[in-house]
Amino acid sequence: MPGAVVLACRAALRSGIGLVRALVAPGSVGAVLQATPSALISEWPTNQKEISAEISKWADAIVIGPGLGRSDDIRALVERILGDSKLPVLLDADALNVFEGQTAALRKLLAGRAALITPHVAEFARLAGLDVEKVLANRFDIGGELASTIGATVLLKGSPTVIFTPGGERFVVARGTAALGTGGSGDILTGIGGTLLAQMTTAATAASCAAWVHGRAAELCEYIRGTTLEDVLYALPRAWNEGEPTAEPPVLAKLPAVAR
């Protein structure tokens, strides 16, 4: 699914990354190159043993998942990349789905690196072996055990976004609008998060800042109905460069003034 790669690359480029390079399936090279000419686009090496060596030569962080697909071959590819490198990594989408119910295997592969996973509720449920309803009912607490189990920061996407660290910290990011509730929004977040993971010292800091900027870009679009992901991408420079906003608590309702 090359569109997911395109959104992630564009988001990284609008978030201050120095260089984006995407390794994609041979049939996707033309589409991704045409949509993101500022990125370097290459085919996956035909020999999977070469792919992790290729990445380690130049990358500061790795993003795996957007548009990847789900199969035994994909699982082997993810294992190869993670097994041969200790670079910081962000896993999303199908890079998580291929480990459905196998958190121990994922923990072993992530050991010794800064790691961030960014599941939506259904992806979280698959990985943790839980019902979606249970995740929804306990979204402010449920990610702590998974973060500790796999040794990675968990960013549970939703409204609000909740971030859990392996050490037991928890952060809530309430920025954003319903415009982000559309397919592909998570790929933009992945591009932002991958950029910050390459530039920051901890996965938790990268996750918190990425969620905040992603949500703020949607707010700057002003509208909900009619806003597209392209609009969110175009708003990212404003979100990155605006002055420090005034802290405001969430407002559930406003009552009319009472005349004396």
Protein backbone atom coordinates (compact mmCIF):
# COMPACT_ATOMS: atom_id res chain seq x y z
CA MET A 1 0.00 0.00 0.00
CA PRO A 2 2.26 2.81 -1.23
CA GLY A 3 -0.05 5.58 -0.03
CA ALA A 4 0.84 4.82 3.58
CA VAL A 5 4.55 5.14 2.78
CA VAL A 6 3.92 8.44 0.99
CA LEU A 7 2.10 9.94 3.99
CA ALA A 8 4.81 8.83 6.43
CA CYS A 9 7.59 10.21 4.20
CA ARG A 10 5.83 13.54 3.70
CA ALA A 11 5.21 13.90 7.42
CA ALA A 12 8.88 13.24 8.18
CA LEU A 13 9.96 15.79 5.58
CA ARG A 14 7.64 18.38 7.14
CA SER A 15 8.99 17.61 10.61
CA GLY A 16 12.64 18.53 10.14
CA ILE A 17 14.23 15.24 9.17
CA GLY A 18 17.52 15.55 7.34
CA LEU A 19 16.99 12.69 4.93
CA VAL A 20 14.19 10.22 4.27
CA ARG A 21 14.91 6.99 2.51
CA ALA A 22 12.15 4.46 1.86
CA LEU A 23 12.71 0.83 0.95
CA VAL A 24 9.56 -0.43 -0.76
CA ALA A 25 8.29 -3.31 -2.87
CA PRO A 26 9.45 -3.12 -6.51
CA GLY A 27 5.95 -2.40 -7.77
CA SER A 28 5.61 0.62 -5.46
CA VAL A 29 8.82 2.45 -6.37
CA GLY A 30 7.32 4.56 -9.16
CA ALA A 31 4.26 5.64 -7.21
CA VAL A 32 6.20 6.59 -4.07
CA LEU A 33 8.91 8.39 -6.03
CA GLN A 34 6.38 10.45 -7.96
CA ALA A 35 4.52 11.44 -4.78
CA THR A 36 7.63 12.20 -2.67
CA PRO A 37 10.45 13.39 -4.96
CA SER A 38 12.36 14.81 -1.98
CA ALA A 39 12.87 11.35 -0.52
CA LEU A 40 15.22 8.63 -1.69
CA ILE A 41 13.28 5.60 -2.86
CA SER A 42 14.78 2.14 -3.36
CA GLU A 43 13.52 -1.40 -3.87
CA TRP A 44 13.82 -3.90 -1.08
CA PRO A 45 17.01 -5.88 -1.69
CA THR A 46 16.15 -9.19 -3.30
CA ASN A 47 18.32 -10.90 -0.71
CA GLN A 48 16.77 -10.23 2.70
CA LYS A 49 20.15 -10.71 4.35
CA GLU A 50 21.28 -7.49 2.70
CA ILE A 51 18.43 -5.27 3.89
CA SER A 52 19.50 -4.69 7.50
CA ALA A 53 23.10 -4.07 6.45
CA GLU A 54 21.84 -1.56 3.90
CA ILE A 55 19.84 0.29 6.55
CA SER A 56 22.59 0.29 9.17
CA LYS A 57 25.02 2.05 6.83
CA TRP A 58 23.17 5.34 6.93
CA ALA A 59 20.07 5.42 9.15
CA ASP A 60 19.71 7.05 12.58
CA ALA A 61 16.30 5.45 13.20
CA ILE A 62 14.04 2.94 11.48
CA VAL A 63 10.29 3.03 10.84
CA ILE A 64 8.64 -0.25 9.91
CA GLY A 65 4.98 -0.88 9.19
CA PRO A 66 3.07 1.61 7.02
CA GLY A 67 1.59 -0.17 4.01
CA LEU A 68 3.74 -3.23 4.66
CA GLY A 69 1.21 -6.06 4.35
CA ARG A 70 0.84 -9.12 6.51
CA SER A 71 2.39 -12.49 5.68
CA ASP A 72 5.06 -14.94 6.83
CA ASP A 73 7.55 -13.23 4.52
CA ILE A 74 6.83 -9.87 6.13
CA ARG A 75 7.31 -11.36 9.59
CA ALA A 76 10.68 -12.73 8.48
CA LEU A 77 11.63 -9.34 7.04
CA VAL A 78 10.82 -7.50 10.28
CA GLU A 79 12.73 -10.09 12.31
CA ARG A 80 15.74 -9.76 10.02
CA ILE A 81 15.86 -5.96 10.34
CA LEU A 82 15.41 -5.97 14.12
CA GLY A 83 17.70 -8.90 14.70
CA ASP A 84 20.68 -7.40 12.87
CA SER A 85 20.47 -3.82 14.14
CA LYS A 86 20.16 -1.94 17.44
CA LEU A 87 19.06 1.35 15.90
CA PRO A 88 16.06 3.13 17.46
CA VAL A 89 12.90 1.78 15.88
CA LEU A 90 9.24 2.72 15.52
CA LEU A 91 6.82 -0.11 14.74
CA ASP A 92 3.32 0.54 13.44
CA ALA A 93 0.50 -1.19 11.58
CA ASP A 94 1.47 -4.53 10.02
CA ALA A 95 4.88 -4.57 11.71
CA LEU A 96 2.81 -5.08 14.88
CA ASN A 97 0.10 -7.26 13.38
CA VAL A 98 2.62 -9.94 12.38
CA PHE A 99 3.36 -10.42 16.10
CA GLU A 100 -0.28 -10.97 17.06
CA GLY A 101 -0.37 -12.48 20.56
CA GLN A 102 3.43 -12.97 20.59
CA THR A 103 4.75 -10.25 22.85
CA ALA A 104 7.64 -12.37 24.11
CA ALA A 105 9.04 -12.70 20.59
CA LEU A 106 8.73 -8.96 20.06
CA ARG A 107 10.45 -8.18 23.36
CA LYS A 108 13.44 -10.30 22.39
CA LEU A 109 13.82 -8.43 19.10
CA LEU A 110 13.46 -4.97 20.65
CA ALA A 111 15.92 -5.54 23.51
CA GLY A 112 18.79 -3.07 23.78
CA ARG A 113 17.35 -0.20 21.76
CA ALA A 114 15.04 2.80 22.04
CA ALA A 115 11.72 1.49 20.77
CA LEU A 116 8.28 2.98 20.17
CA ILE A 117 5.12 1.24 19.00
CA THR A 118 2.10 3.23 17.82
CA PRO A 119 -0.96 0.94 17.67
CA HIS A 120 -4.56 1.98 17.32
CA VAL A 121 -7.01 0.18 19.59
CA ALA A 122 -7.52 -2.85 17.30
CA GLU A 123 -3.78 -3.31 16.71
CA PHE A 124 -3.15 -3.06 20.45
CA ALA A 125 -5.82 -5.70 21.11
CA ARG A 126 -4.30 -8.10 18.56
CA LEU A 127 -0.79 -7.74 19.93
CA ALA A 128 -1.82 -8.06 23.57
CA GLY A 129 -4.36 -10.83 22.95
CA LEU A 130 -7.28 -8.81 24.34
CA ASP A 131 -10.78 -7.82 23.25
CA VAL A 132 -11.12 -4.40 21.64
CA GLU A 133 -13.90 -3.55 24.10
CA LYS A 134 -11.57 -4.17 27.04
CA VAL A 135 -8.94 -1.89 25.54
CA LEU A 136 -11.49 0.88 24.98
CA ALA A 137 -12.85 0.56 28.52
CA ASN A 138 -9.38 0.76 30.09
CA ARG A 139 -7.41 2.92 27.67
CA PHE A 140 -5.83 5.06 30.43
CA ASP A 141 -4.29 2.07 32.21
CA ILE A 142 -4.10 -0.88 29.85
CA GLY A 143 -0.89 0.03 28.05
CA GLY A 144 1.35 -0.07 31.10
CA GLU A 145 1.64 -3.84 31.23
CA LEU A 146 2.34 -4.13 27.49
CA ALA A 147 5.04 -1.45 27.65
CA SER A 148 6.73 -3.30 30.52
CA THR A 149 6.37 -6.69 28.81
CA ILE A 150 7.94 -5.72 25.48
CA GLY A 151 10.36 -3.11 26.84
CA ALA A 152 9.10 -0.34 24.55
CA THR A 153 7.15 2.89 24.81
CA VAL A 154 3.53 2.35 23.75
CA LEU A 155 1.59 5.17 22.09
CA LEU A 156 -2.07 4.13 22.10
CA LYS A 157 -3.72 6.24 19.43
CA GLY A 158 -7.18 7.67 20.02
CA SER A 159 -8.99 10.51 21.69
CA PRO A 160 -7.05 11.25 23.77
CA THR A 161 -3.74 9.62 22.92
CA VAL A 162 -2.17 7.82 25.89
CA ILE A 163 1.55 7.05 26.09
CA PHE A 164 3.03 4.40 28.40
CA THR A 165 6.71 3.78 29.17
CA PRO A 166 8.37 0.54 30.30
CA GLY A 167 9.23 2.28 33.57
CA GLY A 168 5.59 2.96 34.45
CA GLU A 169 5.25 6.60 33.36
CA ARG A 170 2.07 7.68 31.60
CA PHE A 171 1.36 10.75 29.48
CA VAL A 172 -1.94 11.91 28.00
CA VAL A 173 -2.06 14.12 24.90
CA ALA A 174 -5.48 15.66 24.33
CA ARG A 175 -4.63 17.66 21.20
CA GLY A 176 -6.39 16.94 17.92
CA THR A 177 -9.81 16.90 16.28
CA ALA A 178 -12.11 14.34 14.71
CA ALA A 179 -10.43 15.13 11.38
CA LEU A 180 -7.69 12.71 12.46
CA GLY A 181 -10.19 9.85 12.64
CA THR A 182 -9.58 8.80 9.06
CA GLY A 183 -7.49 6.15 7.38
CA GLY A 184 -3.88 7.25 6.92
CA SER A 185 -3.78 9.64 9.87
CA GLY A 186 -1.63 7.18 11.78
CA ASP A 187 0.89 7.12 8.94
CA ILE A 188 1.40 10.86 9.37
CA LEU A 189 1.96 10.34 13.09
CA THR A 190 4.45 7.61 12.25
CA GLY A 191 6.46 9.95 10.04
CA ILE A 192 6.56 12.58 12.79
CA GLY A 193 7.44 10.02 15.45
CA GLY A 194 10.20 8.47 13.36
CA THR A 195 11.78 11.89 12.86
CA LEU A 196 11.78 12.65 16.58
CA LEU A 197 13.03 9.18 17.48
CA ALA A 198 16.09 9.89 15.32
CA GLN A 199 16.65 13.26 17.02
CA MET A 200 15.69 12.82 20.68
CA THR A 201 17.18 10.91 23.58
CA THR A 202 14.14 8.88 24.64
CA ALA A 203 11.24 7.18 22.90
CA ALA A 204 8.80 8.61 25.45
CA THR A 205 9.79 12.20 24.64
CA ALA A 206 9.57 11.50 20.91
CA ALA A 207 6.14 9.92 21.32
CA SER A 208 4.73 12.75 23.44
CA CYS A 209 5.99 15.50 21.12
CA ALA A 210 4.84 13.65 18.01
CA ALA A 211 1.32 13.16 19.35
CA TRP A 212 1.11 16.80 20.40
CA VAL A 213 2.29 18.22 17.06
CA HIS A 214 0.10 15.80 15.08
CA GLY A 215 -2.96 16.89 17.03
CA ARG A 216 -2.05 20.57 16.90
CA ALA A 217 -1.69 20.46 13.11
CA ALA A 218 -5.25 19.12 12.88
CA GLU A 219 -6.51 21.91 15.14
CA LEU A 220 -4.85 24.52 12.92
CA CYS A 221 -6.88 23.25 9.97
CA GLU A 222 -9.85 24.80 11.79
CA TYR A 223 -12.49 22.63 10.16
CA ILE A 224 -13.38 18.98 10.67
CA ARG A 225 -15.71 18.11 7.82
CA GLY A 226 -13.83 18.78 4.61
CA THR A 227 -10.33 18.60 6.15
CA THR A 228 -8.09 16.03 4.48
CA LEU A 229 -4.76 14.53 5.46
CA GLU A 230 -3.11 16.81 2.91
CA ASP A 231 -4.41 19.74 4.95
CA VAL A 232 -2.89 18.26 8.11
CA LEU A 233 0.46 17.83 6.34
CA TYR A 234 0.40 21.44 5.15
CA ALA A 235 -0.38 22.61 8.70
CA LEU A 236 2.63 20.84 10.22
CA PRO A 237 5.08 23.74 9.68
CA ARG A 238 2.71 26.06 11.57
CA ALA A 239 2.37 23.54 14.39
CA TRP A 240 6.15 23.20 14.67
CA ASN A 241 6.86 26.92 14.59
CA GLU A 242 4.05 28.64 16.49
CA GLY A 243 4.77 30.30 19.80
CA GLU A 244 4.12 28.52 23.05
CA PRO A 245 0.32 28.28 23.38
CA THR A 246 -1.57 29.33 26.46
CA ALA A 247 -2.31 26.34 28.67
CA GLU A 248 -6.03 25.65 28.68
CA PRO A 249 -7.79 22.81 30.47
CA PRO A 250 -10.26 20.77 28.40
CA VAL A 251 -13.68 22.49 28.30
CA LEU A 252 -16.69 20.18 28.33
CA ALA A 253 -19.34 22.91 28.19
CA LYS A 254 -19.82 26.66 28.62
CA LEU A 255 -22.75 28.06 30.56
CA PRO A 256 -24.38 31.34 29.56
CA ALA A 257 -23.71 34.38 31.69
CA VAL A 258 -26.24 34.99 34.46
CA ALA A 259 -27.56 38.56 34.68
CA ARG A 260 -27.95 39.99 38.15
